[in-house]
Amino acid sequence: MKKYYRIFSVLAVVCGMALTSCKDFLDINRNPNYLSDASVTTLLPSVCASTVAQLGYNGEVLGIMFNQFCTQGNSTNQYNTAVTFALTNSSYTGFWTNPYGATLPDAKIMIEKAEAEGYWNYWLIGKVLMAYNWSILTDIYEDIPFTEALNPDEFPYPNYDSGRDVVYPALLVMLDEAIAKESAAKDKSLPSVNNKDFFFEGDIDKWVAFAKSLKLKIMMKDFAKYESQISSLLSAGGLLEDDAAVTCWENATNKGNPFYEMNIRQLNTQENVRGCHTLIEYMIANDDIRLENIYEPTYASTLSGSTTLRGRFEGLPYGTKPETSGEEGVPITNSSRWLQAYDDPTYIMNKAEAYFLVAEAYARLDDAAKAKENYDLGVMAGFERFGKDGSSYVAEGGAYEFDADNMIECIMLQKWVSYAKANALDGWFDRNRTGYPRLAGPITVRVSDADYTKGLTEGYELGTFVDPGTNALQAFEYPRRLMIPTSSSQYNPNAPVTKALEEPMWWQVEQGK
């Protein structure tokens, strides 16, 4: 058997030697010697951990920046390339190296071992996690090595497969296979999973629900093709109504939430990631009390004793770094930090997202009643994540009341907000798939960047994305993909020509000006 086990830093994998619990896998910089032949009970925690490692750091960075929840702090430089769209084929390559070097090979071995031993609970979970990881790869890069990817002895230079024609259809088959094993996976004579599963602690019902919601997410990329299957899936029910997240982080070096570990503990600064006008102004205008769970109040507001949302929270212009002093300067104390904690959950799908996905499907099926029902559940789930009641926001006359005349935009705007402090990378995918939030182009959100100067720029509409103040792309252009990393493009003769960052994939709408 080829030895696939790799050791990566936090930028790639969060796993170590398999022991007995989630905590044993949290040391993200250990360098152990792997067992030469791991068991399924060893491999499952490794696959869970490595799944969230890359998404929990780089996925969070790109998600919160591309969704304009945050921008680079005006006194630091860590994420300049992300917020100004100046990405190259050397940017964020862990999205590629982590799944191909660790997660997918481990999942493949686990599935094979579980099938040979008849451990269908491990097999089902492995299948779903493998499908999920493949889906993220093709969502980021479009065409990818797939059918030949995990057989390096036979295919050292794997061909790339079409995301549309090969990868997505294969993932739907993979998920159907997993769902079909539900009964076998519940056999009480099987070895228990419990805390070896960092997402659902071995709850097969929740894994099947997640598999169904992941199916829906994939099929929505080609709604016309899959309309009848989508309708049948919705009618059958049983989709996800829970968060799919890792929550077992510890307050110790290399054992916390991946973004917290890198951005706070290891970089040793809290000034990198600041609130962005785009989301903050939208939430203030709607008196959205979740602001206090997403951003820190400005230091200046703690001195003044302000109690209003407007007085407590302040953003920076997107992709622009104002001076920190002078007449037009914006002191650091007058902008809000992105709120981070070591125990922030790391999501691969969240409850609100799952409801909004169903709401959108019903809207496209022209069933406004069911679209509204699931939209309301989605909005309220987005509040419940922070222990808040969102029912008044969706009530008649509420700030987020369902708009039956503009169902898709209404749903997608609230879905956009719900990705803050969750799996924000999916908000990037959704924006490119649906065109919402729309692109406002080369305009600022606020009239002035000067200290505490309020008022929206004339012509700016809340809930639309502005071009970065420093922009590596053209006006109204937005990142649509990441470029194929040089580790493949330069060394695999079968790699295709790398497409430009702004070139849409087959499932993405036009720029949506």
Protein backbone atom coordinates (compact mmCIF):
# COMPACT_ATOMS: atom_id res chain seq x y z
CA MET A 1 0.00 0.00 0.00
CA LYS A 2 1.37 3.41 -0.88
CA LYS A 3 1.99 5.50 2.19
CA TYR A 4 -0.10 8.66 1.79
CA TYR A 5 0.24 10.11 5.26
CA ARG A 6 1.65 13.62 5.23
CA ILE A 7 2.46 16.16 7.91
CA PHE A 8 1.42 19.75 7.27
CA SER A 9 1.37 22.91 9.34
CA VAL A 10 -1.86 24.67 10.30
CA LEU A 11 -2.10 25.84 6.70
CA ALA A 12 -2.78 22.29 5.67
CA VAL A 13 -3.86 19.79 8.31
CA VAL A 14 -4.91 19.61 11.94
CA CYS A 15 -4.26 15.96 12.58
CA GLY A 16 -1.85 13.77 14.48
CA MET A 17 -1.61 10.23 15.83
CA ALA A 18 -5.05 8.76 16.42
CA LEU A 19 -5.83 8.17 20.06
CA THR A 20 -9.28 8.39 21.57
CA SER A 21 -10.83 11.80 21.21
CA CYS A 22 -11.04 15.10 19.37
CA LYS A 23 -8.52 16.68 21.74
CA ASP A 24 -5.86 14.21 20.69
CA PHE A 25 -5.98 15.61 17.17
CA LEU A 26 -5.82 19.31 17.91
CA ASP A 27 -2.06 19.82 17.93
CA ILE A 28 -1.75 21.34 14.49
CA ASN A 29 2.04 21.50 14.33
CA ARG A 30 3.09 18.08 15.67
CA ASN A 31 5.36 15.94 13.54
CA PRO A 32 4.71 12.35 14.62
CA ASN A 33 5.71 9.19 12.80
CA TYR A 34 2.53 7.71 11.38
CA LEU A 35 1.64 4.10 11.78
CA SER A 36 2.44 2.16 8.64
CA ASP A 37 -1.05 0.71 8.47
CA ALA A 38 -3.72 2.82 10.15
CA SER A 39 -7.14 1.53 11.19
CA VAL A 40 -10.49 3.11 10.39
CA THR A 41 -10.67 4.37 13.98
CA THR A 42 -7.35 6.14 13.40
CA LEU A 43 -8.23 7.48 9.97
CA LEU A 44 -11.65 8.98 10.70
CA PRO A 45 -10.41 11.60 13.19
CA SER A 46 -7.58 12.42 10.80
CA VAL A 47 -9.99 12.96 7.92
CA CYS A 48 -12.30 15.09 10.08
CA ALA A 49 -9.42 17.23 11.32
CA SER A 50 -7.74 17.73 7.96
CA THR A 51 -11.09 18.62 6.38
CA VAL A 52 -11.49 21.68 8.60
CA ALA A 53 -7.82 22.67 8.83
CA GLN A 54 -7.57 24.40 5.48
CA LEU A 55 -11.17 25.61 5.44
CA GLY A 56 -10.85 26.87 8.98
CA TYR A 57 -7.94 29.15 8.13
CA ASN A 58 -7.54 30.03 4.45
CA GLY A 59 -11.23 29.36 3.80
CA GLU A 60 -12.13 31.80 6.54
CA VAL A 61 -9.67 34.43 5.29
CA LEU A 62 -10.97 34.39 1.71
CA GLY A 63 -14.57 34.00 2.84
CA ILE A 64 -14.66 37.02 5.14
CA MET A 65 -12.64 39.16 2.72
CA PHE A 66 -14.47 38.23 -0.50
CA ASN A 67 -17.84 38.64 1.27
CA GLN A 68 -16.77 42.09 2.50
CA PHE A 69 -17.39 41.21 6.11
CA CYS A 70 -13.84 42.37 6.81
CA THR A 71 -10.94 44.18 5.27
CA GLN A 72 -7.23 44.37 5.98
CA GLY A 73 -6.41 46.50 9.00
CA ASN A 74 -5.02 49.90 8.06
CA SER A 75 -1.84 49.36 10.08
CA THR A 76 -0.96 45.80 8.97
CA ASN A 77 -0.44 43.87 5.72
CA GLN A 78 -1.10 40.15 6.26
CA TYR A 79 -4.06 39.75 3.90
CA ASN A 80 -3.48 42.51 1.34
CA THR A 81 -3.54 40.16 -1.66
CA ALA A 82 -6.93 38.72 -0.69
CA VAL A 83 -8.67 42.02 -0.12
CA THR A 84 -7.26 43.68 -3.25
CA PHE A 85 -7.84 40.61 -5.49
CA ALA A 86 -4.12 40.40 -6.24
CA LEU A 87 -4.02 36.60 -6.13
CA THR A 88 -1.67 34.47 -8.21
CA ASN A 89 -1.14 30.74 -8.76
CA SER A 90 1.04 30.80 -5.65
CA SER A 91 -1.78 32.12 -3.45
CA TYR A 92 -3.60 29.94 -0.94
CA THR A 93 -2.25 26.73 -2.45
CA GLY A 94 -3.11 24.78 0.68
CA PHE A 95 -6.63 24.41 -0.75
CA TRP A 96 -4.96 22.07 -3.26
CA THR A 97 -2.12 20.44 -1.32
CA ASN A 98 -4.14 19.58 1.78
CA PRO A 99 -6.91 17.48 0.17
CA TYR A 100 -4.63 15.84 -2.39
CA GLY A 101 -1.82 15.23 0.08
CA ALA A 102 -3.75 14.23 3.18
CA THR A 103 -7.55 14.31 3.37
CA LEU A 104 -8.59 12.45 0.23
CA PRO A 105 -5.92 9.71 0.38
CA ASP A 106 -6.78 9.05 4.03
CA ALA A 107 -10.51 9.01 3.22
CA LYS A 108 -9.89 6.57 0.36
CA ILE A 109 -7.98 4.18 2.59
CA MET A 110 -10.59 4.46 5.33
CA ILE A 111 -13.44 3.69 2.93
CA GLU A 112 -11.60 0.68 1.51
CA LYS A 113 -10.82 -0.68 4.97
CA ALA A 114 -14.34 -0.05 6.26
CA GLU A 115 -15.85 -1.83 3.27
CA ALA A 116 -13.54 -4.83 3.69
CA GLU A 117 -14.43 -5.08 7.38
CA GLY A 118 -18.13 -4.32 6.95
CA TYR A 119 -17.93 -1.20 9.14
CA TRP A 120 -20.67 0.61 7.27
CA ASN A 121 -20.94 3.48 9.75
CA TYR A 122 -17.31 4.45 9.08
CA TRP A 123 -17.82 3.77 5.38
CA LEU A 124 -20.85 6.09 5.13
CA ILE A 125 -19.14 8.92 6.97
CA GLY A 126 -16.00 8.48 4.84
CA LYS A 127 -18.01 8.61 1.62
CA VAL A 128 -19.78 11.81 2.62
CA LEU A 129 -16.56 13.51 3.75
CA MET A 130 -14.83 12.48 0.55
CA ALA A 131 -17.68 13.92 -1.55
CA TYR A 132 -17.57 17.13 0.46
CA ASN A 133 -13.82 17.59 0.00
CA TRP A 134 -14.06 16.91 -3.74
CA SER A 135 -16.90 19.45 -3.98
CA ILE A 136 -14.78 22.18 -2.38
CA LEU A 137 -11.89 21.45 -4.75
CA THR A 138 -14.03 21.70 -7.87
CA ASP A 139 -15.89 24.76 -6.53
CA ILE A 140 -12.55 26.54 -6.15
CA TYR A 141 -10.70 25.30 -9.25
CA GLU A 142 -13.47 23.96 -11.58
CA ASP A 143 -11.68 21.19 -13.60
CA ILE A 144 -9.48 19.05 -11.36
CA PRO A 145 -7.61 15.73 -11.28
CA PHE A 146 -10.33 13.32 -10.16
CA THR A 147 -10.60 9.87 -11.71
CA GLU A 148 -6.80 9.41 -11.76
CA ALA A 149 -5.97 11.57 -8.77
CA LEU A 150 -5.59 9.05 -5.94
CA ASN A 151 -3.56 6.44 -7.78
CA PRO A 152 -0.10 8.03 -8.06
CA ASP A 153 1.72 4.78 -8.86
CA GLU A 154 -0.36 4.26 -12.00
CA PHE A 155 -1.04 7.92 -12.76
CA PRO A 156 1.88 10.09 -11.61
CA TYR A 157 0.62 12.87 -13.91
CA PRO A 158 -3.17 12.67 -13.56
CA ASN A 159 -5.43 14.10 -16.20
CA TYR A 160 -7.88 16.84 -15.28
CA ASP A 161 -11.59 15.99 -15.42
CA SER A 162 -14.47 18.32 -16.24
CA GLY A 163 -16.12 19.63 -13.11
CA ARG A 164 -19.46 19.77 -14.87
CA ASP A 165 -19.43 16.53 -16.85
CA VAL A 166 -17.41 14.23 -14.59
CA VAL A 167 -16.85 15.49 -11.05
CA TYR A 168 -20.27 16.79 -10.02
CA PRO A 169 -22.21 13.78 -11.44
CA ALA A 170 -19.76 11.43 -9.70
CA LEU A 171 -20.26 13.23 -6.40
CA LEU A 172 -24.02 12.81 -6.65
CA VAL A 173 -23.50 9.07 -7.18
CA MET A 174 -21.12 8.98 -4.22
CA LEU A 175 -23.68 10.66 -1.98
CA ASP A 176 -26.48 8.40 -3.18
CA GLU A 177 -24.31 5.39 -2.33
CA ALA A 178 -23.77 6.76 1.17
CA ILE A 179 -27.47 7.49 1.72
CA ALA A 180 -28.37 3.98 0.54
CA LYS A 181 -26.21 2.51 3.32
CA GLU A 182 -28.13 4.29 6.08
CA SER A 183 -29.77 1.15 7.45
CA ALA A 184 -26.55 -0.91 7.36
CA ALA A 185 -24.64 1.94 9.03
CA LYS A 186 -27.08 1.89 11.97
CA ASP A 187 -26.40 -1.76 12.79
CA LYS A 188 -25.83 -1.75 16.55
CA SER A 189 -23.26 -4.55 16.30
CA LEU A 190 -20.81 -2.27 14.45
CA PRO A 191 -17.88 -0.70 16.29
CA SER A 192 -18.97 2.63 17.73
CA VAL A 193 -17.85 5.91 16.20
CA ASN A 194 -18.74 8.42 18.93
CA ASN A 195 -16.01 11.01 19.53
CA LYS A 196 -13.87 9.80 16.63
CA ASP A 197 -16.35 11.77 14.51
CA PHE A 198 -15.73 15.46 15.23
CA PHE A 199 -18.87 16.65 13.44
CA PHE A 200 -21.85 14.56 14.58
CA GLU A 201 -20.31 12.05 17.05
CA GLY A 202 -21.39 9.12 14.93
CA ASP A 203 -25.03 10.19 14.49
CA ILE A 204 -25.86 8.52 11.16
CA ASP A 205 -29.17 10.36 10.84
CA LYS A 206 -27.31 13.67 10.82
CA TRP A 207 -24.72 12.39 8.34
CA VAL A 208 -27.49 11.28 5.98
CA ALA A 209 -29.21 14.66 6.38
CA PHE A 210 -25.94 16.41 5.61
CA ALA A 211 -25.45 14.18 2.54
CA LYS A 212 -28.90 15.16 1.26
CA SER A 213 -28.24 18.86 1.77
CA LEU A 214 -24.86 18.52 0.06
CA LYS A 215 -26.65 16.85 -2.86
CA LEU A 216 -29.03 19.79 -3.04
CA LYS A 217 -26.13 22.25 -2.92
CA ILE A 218 -24.45 20.49 -5.85
CA MET A 219 -27.61 20.18 -7.94
CA MET A 220 -28.51 23.85 -7.47
CA LYS A 221 -25.49 24.70 -9.61
CA ASP A 222 -27.39 23.26 -12.58
CA PHE A 223 -31.00 23.79 -11.54
CA ALA A 224 -32.54 23.29 -14.97
CA LYS A 225 -30.85 19.90 -15.39
CA TYR A 226 -31.75 18.63 -11.92
CA GLU A 227 -35.10 20.32 -11.36
CA SER A 228 -37.10 17.10 -11.06
CA GLN A 229 -34.51 15.50 -8.74
CA ILE A 230 -34.47 18.63 -6.60
CA SER A 231 -38.24 18.56 -6.32
CA SER A 232 -38.18 14.89 -5.31
CA LEU A 233 -35.42 15.50 -2.75
CA LEU A 234 -37.41 18.31 -1.15
CA SER A 235 -40.58 16.23 -1.09
CA ALA A 236 -38.80 13.33 0.61
CA GLY A 237 -37.46 15.63 3.34
CA GLY A 238 -34.85 14.68 5.88
CA LEU A 239 -32.38 17.43 4.97
CA LEU A 240 -29.97 18.99 7.44
CA GLU A 241 -31.42 20.93 10.36
CA ASP A 242 -28.22 21.14 12.40
CA ASP A 243 -24.80 22.72 12.23
CA ALA A 244 -22.06 20.56 10.72
CA ALA A 245 -19.10 21.91 12.65
CA VAL A 246 -16.07 21.04 14.74
CA THR A 247 -16.46 22.55 18.20
CA CYS A 248 -13.90 20.72 20.34
CA TRP A 249 -11.15 23.34 20.26
CA GLU A 250 -8.95 23.99 23.28
CA ASN A 251 -7.33 27.16 24.61
CA ALA A 252 -3.80 25.94 24.03
CA THR A 253 -1.16 26.60 21.40
CA ASN A 254 -2.00 24.78 18.13
CA LYS A 255 -5.23 23.37 19.55
CA GLY A 256 -7.64 26.23 18.91
CA ASN A 257 -9.79 27.26 15.98
CA PRO A 258 -7.42 27.37 12.95
CA PHE A 259 -8.06 31.02 12.08
CA TYR A 260 -7.62 32.08 15.70
CA GLU A 261 -4.41 30.09 15.95
CA MET A 262 -2.83 31.75 12.93
CA ASN A 263 -4.32 35.22 12.99
CA ILE A 264 -4.23 35.84 16.74
CA ARG A 265 -1.97 33.43 18.60
CA GLN A 266 0.78 32.85 16.04
CA LEU A 267 0.89 36.24 14.31
CA ASN A 268 0.62 37.82 17.76
CA THR A 269 -1.51 40.76 16.65
CA GLN A 270 -5.18 41.64 16.79
CA GLU A 271 -4.98 44.41 14.22
CA ASN A 272 -5.01 42.39 10.97
CA VAL A 273 -8.73 41.94 10.41
CA ARG A 274 -11.09 44.86 10.79
CA GLY A 275 -14.77 45.29 10.15
CA CYS A 276 -15.78 46.42 6.67
CA HIS A 277 -18.29 49.18 5.89
CA THR A 278 -20.19 46.88 3.51
CA LEU A 279 -21.63 44.52 6.15
CA ILE A 280 -21.50 46.84 9.15
CA GLU A 281 -23.53 49.58 7.46
CA TYR A 282 -26.07 47.01 6.23
CA MET A 283 -26.53 45.60 9.73
CA ILE A 284 -26.67 48.98 11.45
CA ALA A 285 -29.35 50.15 9.00
CA ASN A 286 -31.41 47.09 9.92
CA ASP A 287 -30.71 47.41 13.66
CA ASP A 288 -29.24 43.90 13.57
CA ILE A 289 -28.21 42.98 17.11
CA ARG A 290 -25.88 40.22 15.87
CA LEU A 291 -23.27 42.91 15.31
CA GLU A 292 -22.07 42.41 18.87
CA ASN A 293 -21.41 38.72 18.14
CA ILE A 294 -19.51 39.40 14.93
CA TYR A 295 -17.38 42.46 15.71
CA GLU A 296 -15.78 44.01 18.76
CA PRO A 297 -16.97 47.48 19.77
CA THR A 298 -14.40 50.10 18.88
CA TYR A 299 -11.99 51.04 21.60
CA ALA A 300 -13.08 54.66 21.18
CA SER A 301 -16.70 53.68 21.96
CA THR A 302 -15.69 51.96 25.19
CA LEU A 303 -14.12 55.25 26.30
CA SER A 304 -17.14 57.32 25.29
CA GLY A 305 -19.65 54.92 26.81
CA SER A 306 -21.78 54.80 23.64
CA THR A 307 -24.58 52.20 23.75
CA THR A 308 -26.05 52.38 20.23
CA LEU A 309 -25.01 50.11 17.37
CA ARG A 310 -24.01 53.20 15.37
CA GLY A 311 -21.86 54.45 18.21
CA ARG A 312 -20.27 51.11 19.10
CA PHE A 313 -19.38 49.58 15.73
CA GLU A 314 -17.40 51.06 12.88
CA GLY A 315 -15.87 49.68 9.69
CA LEU A 316 -13.12 50.57 7.27
CA PRO A 317 -13.55 51.03 3.50
CA TYR A 318 -13.05 47.79 1.59
CA GLY A 319 -9.61 47.26 0.12
CA THR A 320 -8.43 50.71 1.11
CA LYS A 321 -6.04 51.44 3.95
CA PRO A 322 -6.75 54.95 5.26
CA GLU A 323 -4.05 56.87 7.02
CA THR A 324 -4.10 56.30 10.77
CA SER A 325 -3.38 59.91 11.64
CA GLY A 326 -3.87 63.42 10.33
CA GLU A 327 -7.02 65.40 9.59
CA GLU A 328 -8.52 62.69 7.36
CA GLY A 329 -7.02 59.80 9.28
CA VAL A 330 -8.86 56.86 10.83
CA PRO A 331 -7.21 55.90 14.12
CA ILE A 332 -7.10 52.16 14.77
CA THR A 333 -9.17 52.73 17.89
CA ASN A 334 -12.07 53.90 15.71
CA SER A 335 -12.62 50.67 13.76
CA SER A 336 -14.01 47.34 14.98
CA ARG A 337 -11.99 44.17 15.10
CA TRP A 338 -13.44 40.92 13.77
CA LEU A 339 -14.45 39.04 16.91
CA GLN A 340 -12.37 35.88 17.35
CA ALA A 341 -12.07 33.20 20.02
CA TYR A 342 -10.11 29.97 20.32
CA ASP A 343 -13.34 27.96 20.55
CA ASP A 344 -15.12 29.42 17.51
CA PRO A 345 -16.78 26.50 15.69
CA THR A 346 -15.38 25.56 12.29
CA TYR A 347 -18.28 24.83 9.95
CA ILE A 348 -18.60 22.84 6.76
CA MET A 349 -22.33 23.67 6.61
CA ASN A 350 -24.45 25.66 9.02
CA LYS A 351 -28.10 25.35 9.98
CA ALA A 352 -29.13 28.70 8.53
CA GLU A 353 -27.39 27.91 5.24
CA ALA A 354 -29.24 24.60 4.98
CA TYR A 355 -32.63 26.31 5.40
CA PHE A 356 -31.76 29.07 2.92
CA LEU A 357 -30.72 26.42 0.40
CA VAL A 358 -34.17 24.84 0.66
CA ALA A 359 -35.83 28.26 0.51
CA GLU A 360 -34.01 29.10 -2.71
CA ALA A 361 -34.94 25.76 -4.25
CA TYR A 362 -38.63 26.33 -3.49
CA ALA A 363 -38.39 29.88 -4.84
CA ARG A 364 -37.00 28.54 -8.12
CA LEU A 365 -39.81 25.98 -8.14
CA ASP A 366 -42.23 28.94 -7.76
CA ASP A 367 -43.54 27.79 -4.37
CA ALA A 368 -43.52 31.09 -2.51
CA ALA A 369 -45.18 29.71 0.64
CA LYS A 370 -42.54 27.06 1.26
CA ALA A 371 -39.80 29.46 0.20
CA LYS A 372 -40.99 31.89 2.88
CA GLU A 373 -41.31 29.15 5.50
CA ASN A 374 -37.71 28.05 5.04
CA TYR A 375 -36.43 31.59 4.60
CA ASP A 376 -37.91 32.52 7.99
CA LEU A 377 -36.31 29.44 9.55
CA GLY A 378 -32.99 30.39 7.98
CA VAL A 379 -33.06 33.96 9.30
CA MET A 380 -34.02 32.78 12.78
CA ALA A 381 -31.32 30.08 12.74
CA GLY A 382 -28.79 32.80 11.94
CA PHE A 383 -29.83 34.58 15.14
CA GLU A 384 -30.08 31.39 17.20
CA ARG A 385 -26.40 30.70 16.48
CA PHE A 386 -25.65 33.59 18.84
CA GLY A 387 -28.41 32.84 21.34
CA LYS A 388 -30.70 35.54 19.95
CA ASP A 389 -34.33 35.62 18.82
CA GLY A 390 -34.78 36.68 15.20
CA SER A 391 -38.55 36.24 14.98
CA SER A 392 -39.28 39.97 15.03
CA TYR A 393 -36.99 40.50 12.04
CA VAL A 394 -39.03 38.16 9.80
CA ALA A 395 -42.42 39.23 11.15
CA GLU A 396 -44.66 41.47 9.05
CA GLY A 397 -42.99 44.84 8.87
CA GLY A 398 -39.72 43.46 10.22
CA ALA A 399 -36.36 44.46 8.81
CA TYR A 400 -35.93 41.09 7.10
CA GLU A 401 -39.52 40.34 6.13
CA PHE A 402 -39.73 37.95 3.19
CA ASP A 403 -40.10 39.70 -0.17
CA ALA A 404 -42.30 37.51 -2.37
CA ASP A 405 -41.72 39.80 -5.36
CA ASN A 406 -37.93 39.40 -5.21
CA MET A 407 -37.56 35.99 -3.63
CA ILE A 408 -34.10 34.99 -4.81
CA GLU A 409 -32.38 38.27 -3.96
CA CYS A 410 -34.16 38.43 -0.60
CA ILE A 411 -33.05 34.89 0.29
CA MET A 412 -29.49 35.34 -0.91
CA LEU A 413 -28.94 38.62 0.94
CA GLN A 414 -29.91 37.04 4.23
CA LYS A 415 -27.88 33.95 3.40
CA TRP A 416 -24.91 36.27 2.80
CA VAL A 417 -25.30 37.79 6.28
CA SER A 418 -25.66 34.32 7.84
CA TYR A 419 -22.19 33.30 6.63
CA ALA A 420 -20.58 35.81 9.01
CA LYS A 421 -18.91 33.72 11.73
CA ALA A 422 -19.74 30.50 9.89
CA ASN A 423 -18.41 28.85 6.70
CA ALA A 424 -17.93 32.13 4.87
CA LEU A 425 -16.18 30.54 1.87
CA ASP A 426 -19.56 29.19 0.76
CA GLY A 427 -20.82 32.76 0.59
CA TRP A 428 -18.24 33.37 -2.13
CA PHE A 429 -19.56 30.37 -4.08
CA ASP A 430 -23.16 31.54 -3.63
CA ARG A 431 -22.40 35.08 -4.76
CA ASN A 432 -20.83 33.78 -7.95
CA ARG A 433 -23.62 31.27 -8.57
CA THR A 434 -26.55 33.65 -8.11
CA GLY A 435 -25.18 37.16 -8.66
CA TYR A 436 -26.25 38.26 -5.16
CA PRO A 437 -25.10 40.41 -3.50
CA ARG A 438 -24.85 42.48 -6.65
CA LEU A 439 -21.66 44.34 -7.58
CA ALA A 440 -21.79 48.10 -7.13
CA GLY A 441 -18.47 48.67 -8.86
CA PRO A 442 -16.04 51.56 -8.25
CA ILE A 443 -18.00 53.37 -5.54
CA THR A 444 -17.47 53.75 -1.81
CA VAL A 445 -20.00 52.73 0.82
CA ARG A 446 -19.51 55.87 2.85
CA VAL A 447 -19.18 59.52 1.87
CA SER A 448 -15.83 59.87 3.56
CA ASP A 449 -13.25 57.70 5.28
CA ALA A 450 -12.56 60.47 7.76
CA ASP A 451 -12.94 59.75 11.46
CA TYR A 452 -16.63 59.23 12.30
CA THR A 453 -17.93 60.91 9.15
CA LYS A 454 -21.29 59.25 8.51
CA GLY A 455 -23.61 58.99 5.54
CA LEU A 456 -23.75 56.68 2.54
CA THR A 457 -22.22 57.67 -0.76
CA GLU A 458 -24.87 58.95 -3.18
CA GLY A 459 -25.92 56.08 -5.45
CA TYR A 460 -24.66 53.34 -3.15
CA GLU A 461 -27.25 50.70 -2.24
CA LEU A 462 -26.90 48.80 1.01
CA GLY A 463 -26.12 45.11 0.56
CA THR A 464 -24.07 45.52 -2.62
CA PHE A 465 -20.34 44.84 -3.02
CA VAL A 466 -17.97 47.68 -3.87
CA ASP A 467 -14.73 47.36 -5.79
CA PRO A 468 -11.65 47.40 -3.53
CA GLY A 469 -10.07 50.82 -3.23
CA THR A 470 -6.87 49.23 -4.46
CA ASN A 471 -7.98 46.74 -7.11
CA ALA A 472 -5.86 44.28 -9.09
CA LEU A 473 -8.85 43.57 -11.38
CA GLN A 474 -10.93 45.82 -13.60
CA ALA A 475 -14.04 47.68 -12.45
CA PHE A 476 -16.98 45.36 -11.70
CA GLU A 477 -14.73 42.29 -11.81
CA TYR A 478 -14.74 39.87 -8.91
CA PRO A 479 -12.75 36.68 -8.14
CA ARG A 480 -14.42 33.62 -9.66
CA ARG A 481 -11.85 30.93 -8.90
CA LEU A 482 -8.36 30.34 -7.63
CA MET A 483 -5.65 29.63 -10.15
CA ILE A 484 -4.18 26.15 -10.46
CA PRO A 485 -1.16 26.04 -8.13
CA THR A 486 2.30 25.97 -9.61
CA SER A 487 2.85 22.59 -7.94
CA SER A 488 0.54 21.17 -10.59
CA SER A 489 0.68 23.65 -13.47
CA GLN A 490 4.48 23.53 -13.70
CA TYR A 491 5.09 19.85 -13.00
CA ASN A 492 2.07 18.01 -14.40
CA PRO A 493 2.21 17.97 -18.23
CA ASN A 494 -1.52 17.21 -18.27
CA ALA A 495 -2.45 20.37 -16.40
CA PRO A 496 -4.56 22.78 -18.46
CA VAL A 497 -3.70 26.41 -19.07
CA THR A 498 -4.44 28.33 -15.90
CA LYS A 499 -7.54 30.51 -16.23
CA ALA A 500 -7.66 34.06 -14.97
CA LEU A 501 -8.99 34.82 -11.51
CA GLU A 502 -12.00 36.68 -12.91
CA GLU A 503 -13.02 34.09 -15.53
CA PRO A 504 -16.41 32.61 -14.58
CA MET A 505 -16.92 28.89 -14.17
CA TRP A 506 -19.72 27.09 -15.98
CA TRP A 507 -22.16 27.38 -13.06
CA GLN A 508 -21.57 31.06 -12.36
CA VAL A 509 -23.70 33.98 -13.52
CA GLU A 510 -22.34 36.99 -15.34
CA GLN A 511 -20.81 39.66 -13.17
CA GLY A 512 -24.23 40.95 -12.12
CA LYS A 513 -23.59 44.68 -12.22
